[in-house]
Amino acid sequence: MTNKKFSAKKIDWLPNDLKDRKEWIRELSSNEKEFIDEMNHNDYFTNTFIKQKLHLLFNDIMEATINLFGFIIIKGFPKPDNNHSISTLRNFFCYFVKCLVYLLYKITRMNISMM
């Protein structure tokens, strides 16, 4: 049995490097905002359903965090108000984070098996 060494790509950035750059900021598209707005009228959400509807967003998050910047800022998520209940947003974000973690797990497993 051999010991495998894992090395993460070091991403160097300084605040002044990012001050005037916006490529690490991603605004939700109108379709993504519309899908999130539909949540208040639909209690049926699954990981698969969210992954299908938000697959471009998940791809952008994975690309930015793993290969480009090490982080990303997503703008445009709704705040709790008369149109978006706290419980609906909480459920959505639980599924959303679960999908992200699952994708990250798959990518990590794929990278480990390639070593």
Foldseek 3Di string as FASTA:
>chain_A
DDDDDDDADDADDDCVRCVPDDPQEAEDDPQRLVVLLCLVVDVDDALVNCCVSCVVVLVSQCCCCRPNHVGHHYDDDDDDDPSHHPVSVVVVVVSVVVNSVVVVVVVVVVVVVVD
